[in-house]
Amino acid sequence: MGKNTTTGQIILGDFSEMIVGQWGGIDVLANQYAEGPYSRGAVQVRILTTLDMIPRRAEAFTIVNDVAL
């Protein structure tokens, strides 16, 4: 690979072993004045929530480093 190659990480695993906890609510924000969508007759919608995640078993997951992007 060349010197300017960008690298990253990949997380592989059995995601049924991931425990996901949601705390707080779900915020739905509509912006009917956003320039791009509004000019095409659409409305921009943004949905925000807060989650925590932890693996039930750490050995169910692995991280692969230095993956070429």
C-alpha atoms as a PDB file:
ATOM      1  CA  MET A   1       0.000   0.000   0.000  1.00  0.00           C
ATOM      2  CA  GLY A   2       1.072   3.569  -0.635  1.00  0.00           C
ATOM      3  CA  LYS A   3       2.256   6.025   1.973  1.00  0.00           C
ATOM      4  CA  ASN A   4      -0.970   8.064   1.821  1.00  0.00           C
ATOM      5  CA  THR A   5      -3.306   5.123   2.504  1.00  0.00           C
ATOM      6  CA  THR A   6      -5.909   5.877   5.159  1.00  0.00           C
ATOM      7  CA  THR A   7      -6.552   3.093   7.674  1.00  0.00           C
ATOM      8  CA  GLY A   8      -9.275   2.438  10.197  1.00  0.00           C
ATOM      9  CA  GLN A   9     -10.815  -0.223  12.418  1.00  0.00           C
ATOM     10  CA  ILE A  10     -13.605  -2.762  11.983  1.00  0.00           C
ATOM     11  CA  ILE A  11     -15.552  -4.274  14.889  1.00  0.00           C
ATOM     12  CA  LEU A  12     -16.689  -7.828  14.186  1.00  0.00           C
ATOM     13  CA  GLY A  13     -18.877  -9.904  16.442  1.00  0.00           C
ATOM     14  CA  ASP A  14     -22.161 -11.449  17.418  1.00  0.00           C
ATOM     15  CA  PHE A  15     -24.277  -8.342  17.963  1.00  0.00           C
ATOM     16  CA  SER A  16     -27.017 -10.410  19.627  1.00  0.00           C
ATOM     17  CA  GLU A  17     -24.558 -10.404  22.575  1.00  0.00           C
ATOM     18  CA  MET A  18     -24.751  -6.581  22.800  1.00  0.00           C
ATOM     19  CA  ILE A  19     -26.901  -5.079  25.554  1.00  0.00           C
ATOM     20  CA  VAL A  20     -28.391  -1.730  24.535  1.00  0.00           C
ATOM     21  CA  GLY A  21     -29.926   0.581  27.119  1.00  0.00           C
ATOM     22  CA  GLN A  22     -31.829   3.702  26.147  1.00  0.00           C
ATOM     23  CA  TRP A  23     -32.110   6.488  28.680  1.00  0.00           C
ATOM     24  CA  GLY A  24     -33.858   9.718  28.170  1.00  0.00           C
ATOM     25  CA  GLY A  25     -36.334  10.176  25.388  1.00  0.00           C
ATOM     26  CA  ILE A  26     -36.357  10.441  21.642  1.00  0.00           C
ATOM     27  CA  ASP A  27     -36.227  13.960  20.205  1.00  0.00           C
ATOM     28  CA  VAL A  28     -37.753  14.514  16.772  1.00  0.00           C
ATOM     29  CA  LEU A  29     -36.790  17.884  15.315  1.00  0.00           C
ATOM     30  CA  ALA A  30     -38.301  19.140  12.069  1.00  0.00           C
ATOM     31  CA  ASN A  31     -36.645  22.004  10.202  1.00  0.00           C
ATOM     32  CA  GLN A  32     -38.904  23.092   7.375  1.00  0.00           C
ATOM     33  CA  TYR A  33     -36.565  26.007   6.590  1.00  0.00           C
ATOM     34  CA  ALA A  34     -33.362  24.035   5.831  1.00  0.00           C
ATOM     35  CA  GLU A  35     -32.105  25.444   2.550  1.00  0.00           C
ATOM     36  CA  GLY A  36     -31.410  22.217   0.638  1.00  0.00           C
ATOM     37  CA  PRO A  37     -34.514  20.148   1.469  1.00  0.00           C
ATOM     38  CA  TYR A  38     -36.821  23.202   1.608  1.00  0.00           C
ATOM     39  CA  SER A  39     -35.888  24.305  -1.912  1.00  0.00           C
ATOM     40  CA  ARG A  40     -36.944  20.833  -3.158  1.00  0.00           C
ATOM     41  CA  GLY A  41     -40.285  20.963  -1.314  1.00  0.00           C
ATOM     42  CA  ALA A  42     -39.170  18.681   1.533  1.00  0.00           C
ATOM     43  CA  VAL A  43     -38.683  18.991   5.299  1.00  0.00           C
ATOM     44  CA  GLN A  44     -35.461  18.069   7.104  1.00  0.00           C
ATOM     45  CA  VAL A  45     -36.115  15.762  10.088  1.00  0.00           C
ATOM     46  CA  ARG A  46     -33.507  14.920  12.715  1.00  0.00           C
ATOM     47  CA  ILE A  47     -34.065  12.178  15.324  1.00  0.00           C
ATOM     48  CA  LEU A  48     -31.818  12.116  18.411  1.00  0.00           C
ATOM     49  CA  THR A  49     -31.631   9.615  21.265  1.00  0.00           C
ATOM     50  CA  THR A  50     -29.128   8.640  23.949  1.00  0.00           C
ATOM     51  CA  LEU A  51     -28.000   5.007  24.245  1.00  0.00           C
ATOM     52  CA  ASP A  52     -25.416   3.005  26.185  1.00  0.00           C
ATOM     53  CA  MET A  53     -24.045  -0.266  24.856  1.00  0.00           C
ATOM     54  CA  ILE A  54     -21.996  -3.006  26.515  1.00  0.00           C
ATOM     55  CA  PRO A  55     -21.177  -6.527  25.337  1.00  0.00           C
ATOM     56  CA  ARG A  56     -22.635  -9.345  27.404  1.00  0.00           C
ATOM     57  CA  ARG A  57     -19.519 -11.409  26.625  1.00  0.00           C
ATOM     58  CA  ALA A  58     -16.365  -9.551  25.523  1.00  0.00           C
ATOM     59  CA  GLU A  59     -15.064 -12.633  23.683  1.00  0.00           C
ATOM     60  CA  ALA A  60     -18.033 -12.345  21.272  1.00  0.00           C
ATOM     61  CA  PHE A  61     -16.321  -9.336  19.650  1.00  0.00           C
ATOM     62  CA  THR A  62     -12.991  -8.509  18.073  1.00  0.00           C
ATOM     63  CA  ILE A  63     -11.419  -5.369  16.615  1.00  0.00           C
ATOM     64  CA  VAL A  64      -9.445  -5.519  13.374  1.00  0.00           C
ATOM     65  CA  ASN A  65      -6.908  -2.673  13.152  1.00  0.00           C
ATOM     66  CA  ASP A  66      -5.169  -1.046  10.180  1.00  0.00           C
ATOM     67  CA  VAL A  67      -7.869  -1.818   7.620  1.00  0.00           C
ATOM     68  CA  ALA A  68      -7.315   0.161   4.400  1.00  0.00           C
ATOM     69  CA  LEU A  69     -10.197   2.529   3.739  1.00  0.00           C
END
